Amino acid sequence: MIFKPESKTARLFAALKSGEQLSEGQIRVRFGIKNPRATVSNIRQEGFAVYANQHKDTKGRVTTTVS
């Protein structure tokens, strides 16, 4: 693995690799990452595909999750 084994980035990468879809807020709370966009960008720069998926909930709010 390219990331340090116990780093926050490595834990996020493992979660995404296992198929989890996480919102920006979930990434902040669960992994303690203060800037999720930058962390996801770093994962992408290492050559891994990370997708941002947008959808509307029943109240019409648009949310974005990464997978």
Protein backbone atom coordinates (compact mmCIF):
# COMPACT_ATOMS: atom_id res chain seq x y z
CA MET A 1 0.00 0.00 0.00
CA ILE A 2 1.22 3.49 -0.81
CA PHE A 3 -0.13 5.10 2.37
CA LYS A 4 1.32 4.71 5.86
CA PRO A 5 -0.48 1.70 7.38
CA GLU A 6 -2.18 3.45 10.32
CA SER A 7 -2.71 6.87 8.74
CA LYS A 8 -6.12 8.48 8.37
CA THR A 9 -5.71 8.36 4.61
CA ALA A 10 -5.01 4.61 4.71
CA ARG A 11 -8.10 3.99 6.85
CA LEU A 12 -10.27 6.05 4.46
CA PHE A 13 -8.78 4.25 1.45
CA ALA A 14 -9.54 0.87 3.04
CA ALA A 15 -13.15 1.89 3.69
CA LEU A 16 -13.61 3.11 0.12
CA LYS A 17 -11.91 0.01 -1.27
CA SER A 18 -14.35 -2.20 0.64
CA GLY A 19 -17.23 -0.45 -1.17
CA GLU A 20 -18.45 2.02 1.43
CA GLN A 21 -20.02 5.27 0.29
CA LEU A 22 -19.22 8.14 2.64
CA SER A 23 -20.28 11.77 2.73
CA GLU A 24 -17.87 14.57 3.59
CA GLY A 25 -19.37 14.82 7.08
CA GLN A 26 -19.05 11.09 7.68
CA ILE A 27 -15.38 11.20 6.67
CA ARG A 28 -14.74 14.08 9.09
CA VAL A 29 -16.40 12.36 12.05
CA ARG A 30 -15.35 8.76 11.45
CA PHE A 31 -11.73 9.33 10.45
CA GLY A 32 -10.98 12.72 12.00
CA ILE A 33 -9.97 14.18 8.64
CA LYS A 34 -10.35 17.95 8.65
CA ASN A 35 -10.24 18.40 4.87
CA PRO A 36 -11.86 15.37 3.18
CA ARG A 37 -11.64 16.88 -0.31
CA ALA A 38 -7.86 17.19 -0.08
CA THR A 39 -7.52 13.65 1.26
CA VAL A 40 -9.67 12.22 -1.54
CA SER A 41 -7.63 14.27 -4.01
CA ASN A 42 -4.42 12.72 -2.61
CA ILE A 43 -5.87 9.24 -3.09
CA ARG A 44 -6.77 10.13 -6.68
CA GLN A 45 -3.26 11.50 -7.31
CA GLU A 46 -1.85 8.12 -6.29
CA GLY A 47 -3.75 6.64 -9.24
CA PHE A 48 -6.90 5.26 -7.61
CA ALA A 49 -10.38 5.96 -8.96
CA VAL A 50 -12.59 7.69 -6.41
CA TYR A 51 -16.02 8.78 -7.60
CA ALA A 52 -18.22 11.58 -6.25
CA ASN A 53 -21.89 10.60 -6.53
CA GLN A 54 -24.63 13.22 -6.13
CA HIS A 55 -28.26 12.49 -5.41
CA LYS A 56 -31.35 14.27 -4.09
CA ASP A 57 -33.06 13.12 -0.94
CA THR A 58 -36.83 13.18 -0.41
CA LYS A 59 -36.70 16.84 0.68
CA GLY A 60 -34.87 17.91 -2.48
CA ARG A 61 -31.47 18.43 -0.86
CA VAL A 62 -28.46 17.44 -2.94
CA THR A 63 -25.88 15.33 -1.15
CA THR A 64 -22.54 14.05 -2.40
CA THR A 65 -20.94 10.78 -1.39
CA VAL A 66 -17.61 9.33 -2.44
CA SER A 67 -17.07 5.71 -3.36
